[in-house]
Structure formats: C-alpha cells, structure tokens
Protein backbone atom coordinates (compact mmCIF):
# COMPACT_ATOMS: atom_id res chain seq x y z
CA UNK A 1 79.68 225.64 -49.16
CA UNK A 2 76.17 226.64 -50.39
CA UNK A 3 75.27 223.01 -50.70
CA UNK A 4 76.38 222.09 -47.13
CA UNK A 5 74.24 224.90 -45.75
CA UNK A 6 71.32 223.67 -47.70
CA UNK A 7 71.78 220.03 -46.45
CA UNK A 8 71.95 221.42 -42.80
CA UNK A 9 68.77 223.45 -43.32
CA UNK A 10 67.06 220.28 -44.69
CA UNK A 11 68.22 218.31 -41.59
CA UNK A 12 66.82 221.08 -39.29
CA UNK A 13 63.59 221.23 -41.11
CA UNK A 14 63.24 217.47 -41.00
CA UNK A 15 63.94 217.44 -37.27
CA UNK A 16 61.41 220.18 -36.68
CA UNK A 17 58.69 218.42 -38.65
CA UNK A 18 59.52 215.20 -36.77
CA UNK A 19 59.14 217.04 -33.31
CA UNK A 20 55.93 218.71 -34.52
CA UNK A 21 54.55 215.33 -35.53
CA UNK A 22 55.51 213.90 -32.12
CA UNK A 23 53.85 216.92 -30.34
CA UNK A 24 50.72 216.50 -32.36
CA UNK A 25 50.58 212.70 -31.65
CA UNK A 26 51.05 213.41 -27.98
CA UNK A 27 48.40 216.07 -27.90
CA UNK A 28 45.91 213.71 -29.69
CA UNK A 29 46.75 211.05 -27.27
CA UNK A 30 46.14 213.26 -24.27
CA UNK A 31 42.93 214.33 -25.94
CA UNK A 32 41.94 210.66 -26.43
CA UNK A 33 42.98 209.74 -22.76
CA UNK A 34 40.95 212.71 -21.40
CA UNK A 35 37.77 211.54 -23.38
CA UNK A 36 38.56 207.95 -22.13
CA UNK A 37 38.67 209.28 -18.60
CA UNK A 38 35.44 211.25 -18.90
CA UNK A 39 33.66 208.15 -20.18
CA UNK A 40 35.02 206.08 -17.31
CA UNK A 41 34.06 208.70 -14.83
CA UNK A 42 30.46 208.86 -16.35
CA UNK A 43 30.29 205.04 -16.28
CA UNK A 44 31.58 205.04 -12.52
CA UNK A 45 28.93 207.74 -11.71
CA UNK A 46 26.28 205.60 -13.40
CA UNK A 47 27.27 202.62 -11.50
CA UNK A 48 27.30 204.45 -8.23
CA UNK A 49 23.84 205.92 -8.78
CA UNK A 50 22.31 202.47 -9.87
CA UNK A 51 24.17 200.81 -6.86
CA UNK A 52 22.50 203.51 -4.51
CA UNK A 53 19.06 202.98 -5.91
CA UNK A 54 19.43 199.22 -5.61
CA UNK A 55 20.52 199.56 -1.99
CA UNK A 56 17.66 201.97 -0.89
C-alpha cells in the first residue's frame, strides 16, 4: 500500500515537472517570438524611413 502511494506520487511529480518544462519552453518561445517581432518591426520602420527619404 505504501509503495503504491509512493509510485502515484512519483507519477504526479513527473507529470508536474513535464508540464512545468512545457510551460517554460512556451514562455521562452513567446519571448523569442516577441524579440523577433520587435526586430522585424524595427527593420520595417527602417525600410519605410529609407524609402521615404529616397522618394523625397
């Protein structure tokens, strides 16, 4: 009986660790995507300003 409880606890802990890892990966992925978005936005703004100066 004690052993079965121990096994269940271990399974729960493993599942929690796995979920934590997934959440962490998702968070880092979102952070990376946000960084990429900012970089693209800056590049777009750069391109727009250079285009404007070329046109004028």
